Amino acid sequence: MNKNLMDNMHELIYEVIRNSIEEAKAGFCTEVQVTLLPNQEVDIKDNGRGIPLVHGSDHNEEVLENILAGHPITCLEYAQMGDLPMENLRVVNSLCEHLTVKVYRDGKCFTQDYVRGIAQHEIICSETDNEHGTEIILKPDTQIFGEMAFSIEMINSWIAAQAIPASLLIRLM
């Protein structure tokens, strides 16, 4: 197993959790749930404010594009990247075989699916309970990361090393 490759694959999760931690530091998030799913997928959901999307707005696509839209990264490009520059969710999205974002806000659920950083459809808006927050379900690109599985131990160790506000509960399932 390539340790650097394994570390970088886990960095996909850490970058999403960092956004939730920032939301908690701002006083808007009290819980993050990280669920390891079959098929090398992970579901990360917080109860923060949710990305600022508004039902019926023409700007929703632009908002998600600014945050998430990336481009496919080839194995050769990845090999030449050196240390993984995880400064934003665009890089995360570009290194995922597929990623789904769900934003819960104002009684609505806004959903968009991506394949290797490219949006697959317009934002779908549906009714929901009074949930709020952001959920990202991702699968690392197997062309880059192979069939490695996420490690609960690595994730727990990373979480333990973070400066997490006392008001934030992170549950790993």
N, C-alpha and C. Protein backbone atom coordinates (compact mmCIF):
# COMPACT_ATOMS: atom_id res chain seq x y z
N MET A 1 0.85 -1.18 0.00
CA MET A 1 0.00 0.00 0.00
C MET A 1 0.89 1.24 0.00
N ASN A 2 0.58 2.18 -0.84
CA ASN A 2 1.31 3.44 -0.93
C ASN A 2 0.78 4.39 0.15
N LYS A 3 1.60 4.67 1.17
CA LYS A 3 1.16 5.50 2.30
C LYS A 3 0.72 6.89 1.84
N ASN A 4 1.48 7.51 0.94
CA ASN A 4 1.13 8.85 0.48
C ASN A 4 -0.22 8.84 -0.25
N LEU A 5 -0.45 7.81 -1.06
CA LEU A 5 -1.73 7.68 -1.77
C LEU A 5 -2.87 7.51 -0.77
N MET A 6 -2.65 6.69 0.25
CA MET A 6 -3.67 6.46 1.30
C MET A 6 -3.94 7.76 2.05
N ASP A 7 -2.88 8.48 2.42
CA ASP A 7 -3.04 9.77 3.11
C ASP A 7 -3.84 10.74 2.25
N ASN A 8 -3.51 10.84 0.99
CA ASN A 8 -4.20 11.77 0.08
C ASN A 8 -5.66 11.38 -0.10
N MET A 9 -5.95 10.10 -0.16
CA MET A 9 -7.35 9.68 -0.29
C MET A 9 -8.14 10.11 0.94
N HIS A 10 -7.55 9.96 2.13
CA HIS A 10 -8.23 10.38 3.35
C HIS A 10 -8.36 11.90 3.42
N GLU A 11 -7.44 12.60 2.80
CA GLU A 11 -7.50 14.07 2.78
C GLU A 11 -8.79 14.56 2.12
N LEU A 12 -9.39 13.75 1.24
CA LEU A 12 -10.68 14.11 0.63
C LEU A 12 -11.73 14.27 1.73
N ILE A 13 -11.75 13.35 2.68
CA ILE A 13 -12.69 13.41 3.80
C ILE A 13 -12.36 14.60 4.71
N TYR A 14 -11.08 14.74 5.02
CA TYR A 14 -10.66 15.78 5.96
C TYR A 14 -11.04 17.17 5.47
N GLU A 15 -10.91 17.40 4.18
CA GLU A 15 -11.24 18.73 3.65
C GLU A 15 -12.72 19.03 3.82
N VAL A 16 -13.57 18.05 3.62
CA VAL A 16 -15.01 18.25 3.82
C VAL A 16 -15.29 18.52 5.31
N ILE A 17 -14.67 17.74 6.19
CA ILE A 17 -14.88 17.94 7.63
C ILE A 17 -14.36 19.30 8.07
N ARG A 18 -13.25 19.76 7.49
CA ARG A 18 -12.72 21.10 7.83
C ARG A 18 -13.77 22.18 7.62
N ASN A 19 -14.54 22.06 6.55
CA ASN A 19 -15.60 23.04 6.30
C ASN A 19 -16.64 23.02 7.40
N SER A 20 -16.98 21.83 7.89
CA SER A 20 -17.94 21.71 8.99
C SER A 20 -17.36 22.28 10.27
N ILE A 21 -16.06 22.05 10.51
CA ILE A 21 -15.42 22.61 11.70
C ILE A 21 -15.46 24.14 11.66
N GLU A 22 -15.20 24.71 10.51
CA GLU A 22 -15.27 26.17 10.36
C GLU A 22 -16.69 26.68 10.64
N GLU A 23 -17.68 25.95 10.18
CA GLU A 23 -19.07 26.29 10.44
C GLU A 23 -19.36 26.24 11.95
N ALA A 24 -18.77 25.27 12.64
CA ALA A 24 -18.93 25.15 14.09
C ALA A 24 -18.23 26.30 14.80
N LYS A 25 -17.04 26.66 14.35
CA LYS A 25 -16.32 27.77 14.97
C LYS A 25 -17.09 29.08 14.83
N ALA A 26 -17.88 29.19 13.76
CA ALA A 26 -18.70 30.39 13.55
C ALA A 26 -20.01 30.30 14.35
N GLY A 27 -20.22 29.16 15.03
CA GLY A 27 -21.40 29.01 15.89
C GLY A 27 -22.63 28.47 15.19
N PHE A 28 -22.47 27.85 14.02
CA PHE A 28 -23.64 27.40 13.26
C PHE A 28 -23.76 25.90 13.08
N CYS A 29 -22.85 25.13 13.63
CA CYS A 29 -22.88 23.68 13.43
C CYS A 29 -22.55 23.00 14.76
N THR A 30 -23.34 21.99 15.12
CA THR A 30 -23.09 21.28 16.38
C THR A 30 -22.79 19.80 16.17
N GLU A 31 -23.01 19.30 14.95
CA GLU A 31 -22.82 17.87 14.72
C GLU A 31 -22.37 17.58 13.30
N VAL A 32 -21.43 16.66 13.19
CA VAL A 32 -20.99 16.14 11.89
C VAL A 32 -21.05 14.63 11.99
N GLN A 33 -21.66 14.03 11.00
CA GLN A 33 -21.73 12.57 10.97
C GLN A 33 -20.96 12.09 9.74
N VAL A 34 -19.99 11.22 9.96
CA VAL A 34 -19.18 10.65 8.89
C VAL A 34 -19.51 9.16 8.84
N THR A 35 -20.07 8.72 7.72
CA THR A 35 -20.49 7.33 7.58
C THR A 35 -19.73 6.68 6.43
N LEU A 36 -18.97 5.64 6.76
CA LEU A 36 -18.29 4.88 5.72
C LEU A 36 -19.32 3.94 5.10
N LEU A 37 -19.45 4.02 3.78
CA LEU A 37 -20.43 3.23 3.05
C LEU A 37 -19.72 2.12 2.27
N PRO A 38 -20.48 1.13 1.81
CA PRO A 38 -19.86 0.12 0.95
C PRO A 38 -19.33 0.77 -0.34
N ASN A 39 -18.51 0.06 -1.04
CA ASN A 39 -18.04 0.52 -2.35
C ASN A 39 -17.09 1.71 -2.27
N GLN A 40 -16.34 1.86 -1.17
CA GLN A 40 -15.36 2.93 -0.99
C GLN A 40 -16.00 4.32 -0.93
N GLU A 41 -17.26 4.42 -0.59
CA GLU A 41 -17.92 5.72 -0.50
C GLU A 41 -17.96 6.19 0.94
N VAL A 42 -18.11 7.49 1.12
CA VAL A 42 -18.25 8.07 2.44
C VAL A 42 -19.32 9.16 2.36
N ASP A 43 -20.12 9.26 3.41
CA ASP A 43 -21.18 10.26 3.51
C ASP A 43 -20.83 11.16 4.70
N ILE A 44 -20.67 12.46 4.43
CA ILE A 44 -20.32 13.43 5.47
C ILE A 44 -21.45 14.46 5.53
N LYS A 45 -22.10 14.53 6.68
CA LYS A 45 -23.27 15.41 6.81
C LYS A 45 -23.13 16.25 8.07
N ASP A 46 -23.38 17.55 7.93
CA ASP A 46 -23.37 18.42 9.11
C ASP A 46 -24.71 19.11 9.25
N ASN A 47 -24.92 19.74 10.40
CA ASN A 47 -26.18 20.46 10.65
C ASN A 47 -25.93 21.97 10.70
N GLY A 48 -25.02 22.43 9.87
CA GLY A 48 -24.72 23.87 9.79
C GLY A 48 -25.79 24.62 9.01
N ARG A 49 -25.43 25.78 8.54
CA ARG A 49 -26.39 26.63 7.81
C ARG A 49 -26.73 26.08 6.44
N GLY A 50 -25.83 25.33 5.85
CA GLY A 50 -26.03 24.87 4.48
C GLY A 50 -25.52 25.94 3.52
N ILE A 51 -25.05 25.51 2.39
CA ILE A 51 -24.57 26.44 1.36
C ILE A 51 -25.73 27.37 1.02
N PRO A 52 -25.49 28.67 0.87
CA PRO A 52 -26.60 29.63 0.67
C PRO A 52 -27.27 29.52 -0.71
N LEU A 53 -28.19 28.56 -0.82
CA LEU A 53 -28.98 28.39 -2.03
C LEU A 53 -30.41 28.82 -1.73
N VAL A 54 -31.09 29.32 -2.74
CA VAL A 54 -32.45 29.82 -2.56
C VAL A 54 -33.34 29.21 -3.63
N HIS A 55 -34.50 28.67 -3.23
CA HIS A 55 -35.44 28.07 -4.17
C HIS A 55 -35.80 29.07 -5.27
N GLY A 56 -35.69 28.63 -6.51
CA GLY A 56 -36.07 29.46 -7.64
C GLY A 56 -35.02 30.45 -8.09
N SER A 57 -33.86 30.45 -7.47
CA SER A 57 -32.82 31.41 -7.84
C SER A 57 -32.02 30.93 -9.04
N ASP A 58 -31.74 31.85 -9.95
CA ASP A 58 -30.90 31.55 -11.11
C ASP A 58 -29.43 31.47 -10.71
N HIS A 59 -29.10 31.89 -9.50
CA HIS A 59 -27.71 31.94 -9.07
C HIS A 59 -27.24 30.66 -8.37
N ASN A 60 -28.14 29.72 -8.11
CA ASN A 60 -27.75 28.50 -7.40
C ASN A 60 -26.66 27.72 -8.13
N GLU A 61 -26.83 27.57 -9.44
CA GLU A 61 -25.83 26.83 -10.23
C GLU A 61 -24.46 27.50 -10.10
N GLU A 62 -24.46 28.82 -10.16
CA GLU A 62 -23.21 29.58 -10.07
C GLU A 62 -22.57 29.40 -8.69
N VAL A 63 -23.39 29.40 -7.65
CA VAL A 63 -22.86 29.24 -6.29
C VAL A 63 -22.16 27.89 -6.15
N LEU A 64 -22.85 26.80 -6.57
CA LEU A 64 -22.23 25.48 -6.46
C LEU A 64 -21.04 25.34 -7.37
N GLU A 65 -21.11 25.93 -8.56
CA GLU A 65 -19.97 25.87 -9.48
C GLU A 65 -18.74 26.54 -8.86
N ASN A 66 -18.94 27.68 -8.21
CA ASN A 66 -17.82 28.37 -7.58
C ASN A 66 -17.19 27.56 -6.45
N ILE A 67 -18.00 26.77 -5.76
CA ILE A 67 -17.50 25.99 -4.63
C ILE A 67 -16.96 24.63 -5.08
N LEU A 68 -17.66 23.97 -6.00
CA LEU A 68 -17.37 22.56 -6.28
C LEU A 68 -16.85 22.22 -7.67
N ALA A 69 -17.20 23.00 -8.69
CA ALA A 69 -16.87 22.59 -10.06
C ALA A 69 -15.37 22.46 -10.25
N GLY A 70 -14.98 21.34 -10.75
CA GLY A 70 -13.57 21.08 -11.01
C GLY A 70 -13.41 20.55 -12.41
N HIS A 71 -12.42 19.73 -12.58
CA HIS A 71 -12.19 19.07 -13.86
C HIS A 71 -11.56 17.72 -13.58
N PRO A 72 -11.75 16.77 -14.48
CA PRO A 72 -11.13 15.46 -14.24
C PRO A 72 -9.62 15.58 -14.15
N ILE A 73 -9.05 14.87 -13.19
CA ILE A 73 -7.59 14.84 -13.04
C ILE A 73 -7.13 13.45 -13.43
N THR A 74 -6.22 13.39 -14.39
CA THR A 74 -5.73 12.10 -14.86
C THR A 74 -4.69 11.55 -13.88
N CYS A 75 -4.38 10.28 -14.03
CA CYS A 75 -3.35 9.66 -13.18
C CYS A 75 -2.01 10.36 -13.36
N LEU A 76 -1.68 10.75 -14.60
CA LEU A 76 -0.43 11.45 -14.87
C LEU A 76 -0.41 12.81 -14.17
N GLU A 77 -1.51 13.56 -14.28
CA GLU A 77 -1.58 14.86 -13.59
C GLU A 77 -1.45 14.68 -12.08
N TYR A 78 -2.13 13.66 -11.55
CA TYR A 78 -2.06 13.40 -10.11
C TYR A 78 -0.62 13.09 -9.70
N ALA A 79 0.06 12.26 -10.49
CA ALA A 79 1.44 11.88 -10.17
C ALA A 79 2.37 13.08 -10.16
N GLN A 80 2.04 14.11 -10.93
CA GLN A 80 2.89 15.30 -11.01
C GLN A 80 2.51 16.38 -10.01
N MET A 81 1.44 16.16 -9.23
CA MET A 81 0.96 17.16 -8.29
C MET A 81 1.84 17.30 -7.06
N GLY A 82 2.60 16.26 -6.72
CA GLY A 82 3.38 16.32 -5.48
C GLY A 82 2.43 16.22 -4.30
N ASP A 83 2.63 17.06 -3.28
CA ASP A 83 1.71 17.08 -2.15
C ASP A 83 0.35 17.56 -2.62
N LEU A 84 -0.67 16.92 -2.15
CA LEU A 84 -2.03 17.23 -2.59
C LEU A 84 -2.45 18.59 -2.07
N PRO A 85 -2.76 19.53 -2.97
CA PRO A 85 -3.16 20.88 -2.54
C PRO A 85 -4.64 20.94 -2.19
N MET A 86 -5.00 20.52 -0.98
CA MET A 86 -6.41 20.44 -0.59
C MET A 86 -6.88 21.74 0.04
N GLU A 87 -6.87 22.82 -0.72
CA GLU A 87 -7.31 24.07 -0.16
C GLU A 87 -8.78 24.34 -0.42
N ASN A 88 -9.42 23.49 -1.19
CA ASN A 88 -10.83 23.73 -1.44
C ASN A 88 -11.54 22.47 -1.92
N LEU A 89 -12.85 22.57 -1.99
CA LEU A 89 -13.65 21.42 -2.39
C LEU A 89 -13.58 21.13 -3.88
N ARG A 90 -13.09 22.06 -4.69
CA ARG A 90 -12.93 21.80 -6.12
C ARG A 90 -11.94 20.66 -6.36
N VAL A 91 -10.83 20.69 -5.63
CA VAL A 91 -9.82 19.63 -5.78
C VAL A 91 -10.42 18.31 -5.31
N VAL A 92 -11.13 18.33 -4.19
CA VAL A 92 -11.79 17.11 -3.70
C VAL A 92 -12.69 16.55 -4.78
N ASN A 93 -13.55 17.39 -5.34
CA ASN A 93 -14.51 16.96 -6.36
C ASN A 93 -13.79 16.40 -7.58
N SER A 94 -12.71 17.05 -7.99
CA SER A 94 -11.97 16.61 -9.17
C SER A 94 -11.31 15.25 -8.97
N LEU A 95 -11.02 14.89 -7.71
CA LEU A 95 -10.37 13.61 -7.42
C LEU A 95 -11.38 12.53 -7.03
N CYS A 96 -12.67 12.80 -7.25
CA CYS A 96 -13.71 11.82 -6.93
C CYS A 96 -14.31 11.26 -8.21
N GLU A 97 -14.49 9.95 -8.18
CA GLU A 97 -15.16 9.29 -9.29
C GLU A 97 -16.58 9.85 -9.40
N HIS A 98 -17.21 9.99 -8.26
CA HIS A 98 -18.49 10.71 -8.23
C HIS A 98 -18.66 11.36 -6.86
N LEU A 99 -19.41 12.45 -6.86
CA LEU A 99 -19.68 13.21 -5.64
C LEU A 99 -21.10 13.75 -5.76
N THR A 100 -21.84 13.64 -4.67
CA THR A 100 -23.19 14.21 -4.61
C THR A 100 -23.19 15.22 -3.47
N VAL A 101 -23.71 16.41 -3.74
CA VAL A 101 -23.88 17.41 -2.69
C VAL A 101 -25.38 17.60 -2.48
N LYS A 102 -25.75 17.63 -1.20
CA LYS A 102 -27.13 17.91 -0.81
C LYS A 102 -27.08 19.06 0.19
N VAL A 103 -27.83 20.10 -0.10
CA VAL A 103 -27.89 21.25 0.79
C VAL A 103 -29.30 21.33 1.34
N TYR A 104 -29.41 21.32 2.66
CA TYR A 104 -30.70 21.40 3.35
C TYR A 104 -30.83 22.80 3.90
N ARG A 105 -31.86 23.50 3.42
CA ARG A 105 -32.00 24.91 3.81
C ARG A 105 -33.43 25.37 3.53
N ASP A 106 -34.02 26.06 4.49
CA ASP A 106 -35.34 26.67 4.32
C ASP A 106 -36.41 25.68 3.83
N GLY A 107 -36.40 24.45 4.38
CA GLY A 107 -37.41 23.47 4.02
C GLY A 107 -37.20 22.83 2.65
N LYS A 108 -36.05 23.04 2.05
CA LYS A 108 -35.75 22.49 0.73
C LYS A 108 -34.48 21.66 0.80
N CYS A 109 -34.37 20.71 -0.12
CA CYS A 109 -33.14 19.95 -0.31
C CYS A 109 -32.69 20.19 -1.74
N PHE A 110 -31.53 20.79 -1.90
CA PHE A 110 -30.94 21.06 -3.20
C PHE A 110 -29.89 19.98 -3.45
N THR A 111 -29.99 19.27 -4.58
CA THR A 111 -29.09 18.16 -4.87
C THR A 111 -28.43 18.34 -6.22
N GLN A 112 -27.13 18.04 -6.28
CA GLN A 112 -26.43 18.02 -7.56
C GLN A 112 -25.38 16.91 -7.52
N ASP A 113 -25.26 16.20 -8.63
CA ASP A 113 -24.30 15.10 -8.76
C ASP A 113 -23.18 15.52 -9.70
N TYR A 114 -21.97 15.04 -9.37
CA TYR A 114 -20.78 15.33 -10.17
C TYR A 114 -20.06 14.03 -10.49
N VAL A 115 -19.42 14.00 -11.64
CA VAL A 115 -18.52 12.92 -12.01
C VAL A 115 -17.19 13.56 -12.35
N ARG A 116 -16.17 13.21 -11.57
CA ARG A 116 -14.82 13.76 -11.74
C ARG A 116 -14.85 15.28 -11.91
N GLY A 117 -15.64 15.93 -11.05
CA GLY A 117 -15.67 17.39 -10.99
C GLY A 117 -16.67 18.07 -11.90
N ILE A 118 -17.33 17.33 -12.76
CA ILE A 118 -18.24 17.90 -13.75
C ILE A 118 -19.69 17.65 -13.32
N ALA A 119 -20.48 18.73 -13.23
CA ALA A 119 -21.90 18.60 -12.87
C ALA A 119 -22.62 17.75 -13.91
N GLN A 120 -23.49 16.86 -13.44
CA GLN A 120 -24.19 15.95 -14.33
C GLN A 120 -25.61 16.40 -14.68
N HIS A 121 -26.12 17.38 -13.96
CA HIS A 121 -27.47 17.87 -14.22
C HIS A 121 -27.65 19.19 -13.47
N GLU A 122 -28.74 19.86 -13.75
CA GLU A 122 -29.06 21.08 -13.00
C GLU A 122 -29.40 20.69 -11.57
N ILE A 123 -29.39 21.67 -10.69
CA ILE A 123 -29.72 21.42 -9.29
C ILE A 123 -31.18 20.97 -9.19
N ILE A 124 -31.38 19.90 -8.45
CA ILE A 124 -32.72 19.39 -8.20
C ILE A 124 -33.15 19.90 -6.83
N CYS A 125 -34.34 20.50 -6.77
CA CYS A 125 -34.85 21.04 -5.52
C CYS A 125 -36.09 20.25 -5.11
N SER A 126 -36.10 19.76 -3.86
CA SER A 126 -37.25 19.03 -3.35
C SER A 126 -37.58 19.52 -1.95
N GLU A 127 -38.77 19.19 -1.50
CA GLU A 127 -39.19 19.56 -0.15
C GLU A 127 -38.51 18.64 0.86
N THR A 128 -38.26 19.17 2.05
CA THR A 128 -37.69 18.37 3.13
C THR A 128 -38.22 18.89 4.46
N ASP A 129 -37.93 18.16 5.51
CA ASP A 129 -38.30 18.63 6.84
C ASP A 129 -37.49 19.87 7.16
N ASN A 130 -37.48 20.27 8.37
CA ASN A 130 -36.75 21.47 8.78
C ASN A 130 -35.26 21.22 8.94
N GLU A 131 -34.74 20.28 8.17
CA GLU A 131 -33.30 20.01 8.23
C GLU A 131 -32.53 21.21 7.72
N HIS A 132 -31.30 21.33 8.19
CA HIS A 132 -30.40 22.33 7.66
C HIS A 132 -29.00 21.75 7.69
N GLY A 133 -28.20 22.15 6.75
CA GLY A 133 -26.83 21.67 6.70
C GLY A 133 -26.43 21.26 5.31
N THR A 134 -25.28 20.61 5.25
CA THR A 134 -24.71 20.17 3.99
C THR A 134 -24.32 18.71 4.12
N GLU A 135 -24.60 17.95 3.06
CA GLU A 135 -24.22 16.54 3.01
C GLU A 135 -23.44 16.31 1.72
N ILE A 136 -22.30 15.66 1.85
CA ILE A 136 -21.49 15.32 0.68
C ILE A 136 -21.21 13.83 0.73
N ILE A 137 -21.59 13.16 -0.35
CA ILE A 137 -21.33 11.74 -0.50
C ILE A 137 -20.30 11.62 -1.63
N LEU A 138 -19.17 11.00 -1.31
CA LEU A 138 -18.11 10.94 -2.32
C LEU A 138 -17.51 9.56 -2.45
N LYS A 139 -16.98 9.31 -3.62
CA LYS A 139 -16.23 8.09 -3.90
C LYS A 139 -14.94 8.51 -4.58
N PRO A 140 -13.78 8.23 -3.95
CA PRO A 140 -12.52 8.60 -4.58
C PRO A 140 -12.37 7.93 -5.95
N ASP A 141 -11.66 8.59 -6.84
CA ASP A 141 -11.46 8.09 -8.19
C ASP A 141 -10.59 6.83 -8.14
N THR A 142 -11.16 5.70 -8.51
CA THR A 142 -10.41 4.44 -8.47
C THR A 142 -9.30 4.39 -9.52
N GLN A 143 -9.37 5.24 -10.54
CA GLN A 143 -8.27 5.30 -11.51
C GLN A 143 -7.02 5.88 -10.87
N ILE A 144 -7.20 6.67 -9.83
CA ILE A 144 -6.07 7.28 -9.12
C ILE A 144 -5.75 6.51 -7.85
N PHE A 145 -6.76 6.26 -7.03
CA PHE A 145 -6.55 5.67 -5.71
C PHE A 145 -6.70 4.15 -5.67
N GLY A 146 -7.13 3.55 -6.76
CA GLY A 146 -7.31 2.11 -6.78
C GLY A 146 -8.49 1.69 -5.91
N GLU A 147 -8.40 0.52 -5.33
CA GLU A 147 -9.50 -0.05 -4.56
C GLU A 147 -9.27 0.05 -3.05
N MET A 148 -8.43 0.99 -2.62
CA MET A 148 -8.16 1.14 -1.18
C MET A 148 -9.44 1.51 -0.44
N ALA A 149 -9.53 1.02 0.78
CA ALA A 149 -10.67 1.35 1.64
C ALA A 149 -10.25 2.42 2.64
N PHE A 150 -11.21 3.23 3.05
CA PHE A 150 -10.96 4.22 4.09
C PHE A 150 -10.67 3.51 5.40
N SER A 151 -9.84 4.13 6.22
CA SER A 151 -9.47 3.57 7.52
C SER A 151 -10.13 4.38 8.64
N ILE A 152 -10.95 3.71 9.43
CA ILE A 152 -11.58 4.36 10.58
C ILE A 152 -10.51 4.87 11.54
N GLU A 153 -9.45 4.09 11.71
CA GLU A 153 -8.37 4.49 12.61
C GLU A 153 -7.71 5.79 12.15
N MET A 154 -7.44 5.90 10.85
CA MET A 154 -6.81 7.12 10.33
C MET A 154 -7.72 8.33 10.52
N ILE A 155 -9.01 8.14 10.27
CA ILE A 155 -9.96 9.24 10.40
C ILE A 155 -10.07 9.66 11.87
N ASN A 156 -10.19 8.69 12.77
CA ASN A 156 -10.26 9.00 14.20
C ASN A 156 -9.00 9.72 14.68
N SER A 157 -7.86 9.28 14.22
CA SER A 157 -6.59 9.90 14.60
C SER A 157 -6.53 11.35 14.13
N TRP A 158 -6.97 11.60 12.89
CA TRP A 158 -6.97 12.96 12.35
C TRP A 158 -7.93 13.85 13.16
N ILE A 159 -9.13 13.33 13.44
CA ILE A 159 -10.12 14.10 14.20
C ILE A 159 -9.56 14.46 15.57
N ALA A 160 -8.91 13.50 16.23
CA ALA A 160 -8.36 13.73 17.56
C ALA A 160 -7.28 14.81 17.56
N ALA A 161 -6.61 15.00 16.43
CA ALA A 161 -5.52 15.98 16.34
C ALA A 161 -6.01 17.39 15.98
N GLN A 162 -7.30 17.55 15.72
CA GLN A 162 -7.84 18.84 15.31
C GLN A 162 -8.28 19.68 16.51
N ALA A 163 -8.24 20.99 16.30
CA ALA A 163 -8.77 21.92 17.30
C ALA A 163 -10.27 22.06 17.03
N ILE A 164 -11.03 21.20 17.65
CA ILE A 164 -12.47 21.16 17.41
C ILE A 164 -13.19 21.86 18.55
N PRO A 165 -14.11 22.77 18.23
CA PRO A 165 -14.86 23.43 19.30
C PRO A 165 -15.58 22.41 20.19
N ALA A 166 -15.63 22.69 21.47
CA ALA A 166 -16.28 21.78 22.42
C ALA A 166 -17.74 21.55 22.08
N SER A 167 -18.36 22.50 21.39
CA SER A 167 -19.78 22.39 21.04
C SER A 167 -20.03 21.47 19.85
N LEU A 168 -18.96 20.98 19.20
CA LEU A 168 -19.11 20.15 17.99
C LEU A 168 -18.92 18.68 18.31
N LEU A 169 -19.87 17.87 17.92
CA LEU A 169 -19.80 16.42 18.05
C LEU A 169 -19.56 15.84 16.66
N ILE A 170 -18.48 15.07 16.52
CA ILE A 170 -18.21 14.38 15.25
C ILE A 170 -18.38 12.89 15.51
N ARG A 171 -19.33 12.31 14.77
CA ARG A 171 -19.61 10.88 14.92
C ARG A 171 -19.12 10.14 13.68
N LEU A 172 -18.35 9.10 13.89
CA LEU A 172 -17.85 8.27 12.81
C LEU A 172 -18.55 6.93 12.86
N MET A 173 -19.19 6.59 11.78
CA MET A 173 -19.97 5.34 11.74
C MET A 173 -19.47 4.46 10.61
